[in-house]
Amino acid sequence: MKISGECVAQWNEKDLMTKLGQITCKTLKGGNIS
């Protein structure tokens, strides 16, 4: 898992979503999720 340049959580290059929309953060551009 990682954070895209647009601060969206991704798995295998696909954005992670909930029923309310994309999972995002305010910082950590390009970071990893462990």
PDB file of N, CA and C in Angstrom:
ATOM      1  N   MET A   1       0.846  -1.178   0.000  1.00  0.00           N
ATOM      2  CA  MET A   1       0.000   0.000   0.000  1.00  0.00           C
ATOM      3  C   MET A   1       0.885   1.232   0.000  1.00  0.00           C
ATOM      4  N   LYS A   2       0.364   2.288  -0.587  1.00  0.00           N
ATOM      5  CA  LYS A   2       1.119   3.536  -0.618  1.00  0.00           C
ATOM      6  C   LYS A   2       0.162   4.717  -0.704  1.00  0.00           C
ATOM      7  N   ILE A   3       0.747   5.912  -0.602  1.00  0.00           N
ATOM      8  CA  ILE A   3       0.012   7.163  -0.765  1.00  0.00           C
ATOM      9  C   ILE A   3       0.453   7.773  -2.089  1.00  0.00           C
ATOM     10  N   SER A   4      -0.496   8.128  -2.938  1.00  0.00           N
ATOM     11  CA  SER A   4      -0.169   8.716  -4.242  1.00  0.00           C
ATOM     12  C   SER A   4       0.323  10.154  -4.072  1.00  0.00           C
ATOM     13  N   GLY A   5       0.781  10.743  -5.157  1.00  0.00           N
ATOM     14  CA  GLY A   5       1.196  12.140  -5.158  1.00  0.00           C
ATOM     15  C   GLY A   5       0.055  13.092  -4.865  1.00  0.00           C
ATOM     16  N   GLU A   6      -1.176  12.613  -5.037  1.00  0.00           N
ATOM     17  CA  GLU A   6      -2.367  13.410  -4.735  1.00  0.00           C
ATOM     18  C   GLU A   6      -2.910  13.095  -3.342  1.00  0.00           C
ATOM     19  N   CYS A   7      -2.125  12.378  -2.528  1.00  0.00           N
ATOM     20  CA  CYS A   7      -2.484  12.009  -1.146  1.00  0.00           C
ATOM     21  C   CYS A   7      -3.683  11.070  -1.061  1.00  0.00           C
ATOM     22  N   VAL A   8      -3.803  10.153  -2.030  1.00  0.00           N
ATOM     23  CA  VAL A   8      -4.863   9.144  -2.020  1.00  0.00           C
ATOM     24  C   VAL A   8      -4.229   7.791  -1.702  1.00  0.00           C
ATOM     25  N   ALA A   9      -4.832   7.044  -0.770  1.00  0.00           N
ATOM     26  CA  ALA A   9      -4.341   5.709  -0.441  1.00  0.00           C
ATOM     27  C   ALA A   9      -4.542   4.789  -1.643  1.00  0.00           C
ATOM     28  N   GLN A  10      -3.504   3.948  -1.944  1.00  0.00           N
ATOM     29  CA  GLN A  10      -3.577   3.060  -3.100  1.00  0.00           C
ATOM     30  C   GLN A  10      -3.073   1.664  -2.754  1.00  0.00           C
ATOM     31  N   TRP A  11      -3.626   0.684  -3.461  1.00  0.00           N
ATOM     32  CA  TRP A  11      -3.178  -0.711  -3.407  1.00  0.00           C
ATOM     33  C   TRP A  11      -3.050  -1.174  -4.845  1.00  0.00           C
ATOM     34  N   ASN A  12      -1.870  -1.657  -5.229  1.00  0.00           N
ATOM     35  CA  ASN A  12      -1.616  -2.109  -6.604  1.00  0.00           C
ATOM     36  C   ASN A  12      -2.013  -1.048  -7.633  1.00  0.00           C
ATOM     37  N   GLU A  13      -1.622   0.196  -7.381  1.00  0.00           N
ATOM     38  CA  GLU A  13      -1.871   1.327  -8.292  1.00  0.00           C
ATOM     39  C   GLU A  13      -3.345   1.706  -8.428  1.00  0.00           C
ATOM     40  N   LYS A  14      -4.224   1.178  -7.555  1.00  0.00           N
ATOM     41  CA  LYS A  14      -5.652   1.511  -7.604  1.00  0.00           C
ATOM     42  C   LYS A  14      -6.041   2.255  -6.333  1.00  0.00           C
ATOM     43  N   ASP A  15      -6.804   3.331  -6.489  1.00  0.00           N
ATOM     44  CA  ASP A  15      -7.235   4.126  -5.346  1.00  0.00           C
ATOM     45  C   ASP A  15      -8.150   3.314  -4.437  1.00  0.00           C
ATOM     46  N   LEU A  16      -7.958   3.450  -3.123  1.00  0.00           N
ATOM     47  CA  LEU A  16      -8.836   2.805  -2.153  1.00  0.00           C
ATOM     48  C   LEU A  16     -10.053   3.694  -1.938  1.00  0.00           C
ATOM     49  N   MET A  17     -11.229   3.066  -1.903  1.00  0.00           N
ATOM     50  CA  MET A  17     -12.485   3.805  -1.804  1.00  0.00           C
ATOM     51  C   MET A  17     -13.347   3.269  -0.661  1.00  0.00           C
ATOM     52  N   THR A  18     -14.191   4.130  -0.136  1.00  0.00           N
ATOM     53  CA  THR A  18     -15.270   3.740   0.769  1.00  0.00           C
ATOM     54  C   THR A  18     -16.564   4.213   0.118  1.00  0.00           C
ATOM     55  N   LYS A  19     -17.675   3.977   0.747  1.00  0.00           N
ATOM     56  CA  LYS A  19     -18.938   4.447   0.178  1.00  0.00           C
ATOM     57  C   LYS A  19     -19.010   5.970   0.147  1.00  0.00           C
ATOM     58  N   LEU A  20     -18.132   6.640   0.895  1.00  0.00           N
ATOM     59  CA  LEU A  20     -18.106   8.105   0.930  1.00  0.00           C
ATOM     60  C   LEU A  20     -17.067   8.706  -0.011  1.00  0.00           C
ATOM     61  N   GLY A  21     -16.270   7.857  -0.673  1.00  0.00           N
ATOM     62  CA  GLY A  21     -15.269   8.357  -1.619  1.00  0.00           C
ATOM     63  C   GLY A  21     -13.875   7.835  -1.328  1.00  0.00           C
ATOM     64  N   GLN A  22     -12.878   8.497  -1.903  1.00  0.00           N
ATOM     65  CA  GLN A  22     -11.490   8.072  -1.779  1.00  0.00           C
ATOM     66  C   GLN A  22     -10.987   8.231  -0.345  1.00  0.00           C
ATOM     67  N   ILE A  23     -10.030   7.354   0.016  1.00  0.00           N
ATOM     68  CA  ILE A  23      -9.352   7.465   1.303  1.00  0.00           C
ATOM     69  C   ILE A  23      -8.151   8.370   1.079  1.00  0.00           C
ATOM     70  N   THR A  24      -8.113   9.494   1.772  1.00  0.00           N
ATOM     71  CA  THR A  24      -7.063  10.485   1.554  1.00  0.00           C
ATOM     72  C   THR A  24      -6.401  10.894   2.861  1.00  0.00           C
ATOM     73  N   CYS A  25      -5.292  11.611   2.726  1.00  0.00           N
ATOM     74  CA  CYS A  25      -4.615  12.218   3.865  1.00  0.00           C
ATOM     75  C   CYS A  25      -4.182  13.622   3.459  1.00  0.00           C
ATOM     76  N   LYS A  26      -3.784  14.426   4.419  1.00  0.00           N
ATOM     77  CA  LYS A  26      -3.380  15.800   4.120  1.00  0.00           C
ATOM     78  C   LYS A  26      -1.892  15.908   3.821  1.00  0.00           C
ATOM     79  N   THR A  27      -1.100  14.947   4.301  1.00  0.00           N
ATOM     80  CA  THR A  27       0.348  14.960   4.091  1.00  0.00           C
ATOM     81  C   THR A  27       0.795  13.577   3.641  1.00  0.00           C
ATOM     82  N   LEU A  28       2.077  13.316   3.655  1.00  0.00           N
ATOM     83  CA  LEU A  28       2.668  12.015   3.312  1.00  0.00           C
ATOM     84  C   LEU A  28       2.610  11.686   1.826  1.00  0.00           C
ATOM     85  N   LYS A  29       2.641  12.658   0.949  1.00  0.00           N
ATOM     86  CA  LYS A  29       2.646  12.392  -0.495  1.00  0.00           C
ATOM     87  C   LYS A  29       3.734  11.388  -0.837  1.00  0.00           C
ATOM     88  N   GLY A  30       3.375  10.336  -1.557  1.00  0.00           N
ATOM     89  CA  GLY A  30       4.338   9.332  -1.985  1.00  0.00           C
ATOM     90  C   GLY A  30       4.808   8.399  -0.887  1.00  0.00           C
ATOM     91  N   GLY A  31       4.219   8.454   0.299  1.00  0.00           N
ATOM     92  CA  GLY A  31       4.633   7.607   1.412  1.00  0.00           C
ATOM     93  C   GLY A  31       4.074   6.198   1.312  1.00  0.00           C
ATOM     94  N   ASN A  32       4.516   5.350   2.224  1.00  0.00           N
ATOM     95  CA  ASN A  32       4.048   3.966   2.287  1.00  0.00           C
ATOM     96  C   ASN A  32       3.090   3.784   3.446  1.00  0.00           C
ATOM     97  N   ILE A  33       2.178   2.831   3.306  1.00  0.00           N
ATOM     98  CA  ILE A  33       1.269   2.434   4.376  1.00  0.00           C
ATOM     99  C   ILE A  33       1.684   1.032   4.791  1.00  0.00           C
ATOM    100  N   SER A  34       1.945   0.844   6.084  1.00  0.00           N
ATOM    101  CA  SER A  34       2.342  -0.496   6.533  1.00  0.00           C
ATOM    102  C   SER A  34       1.387  -1.039   7.566  1.00  0.00           C
TER     103      SER A  34
END
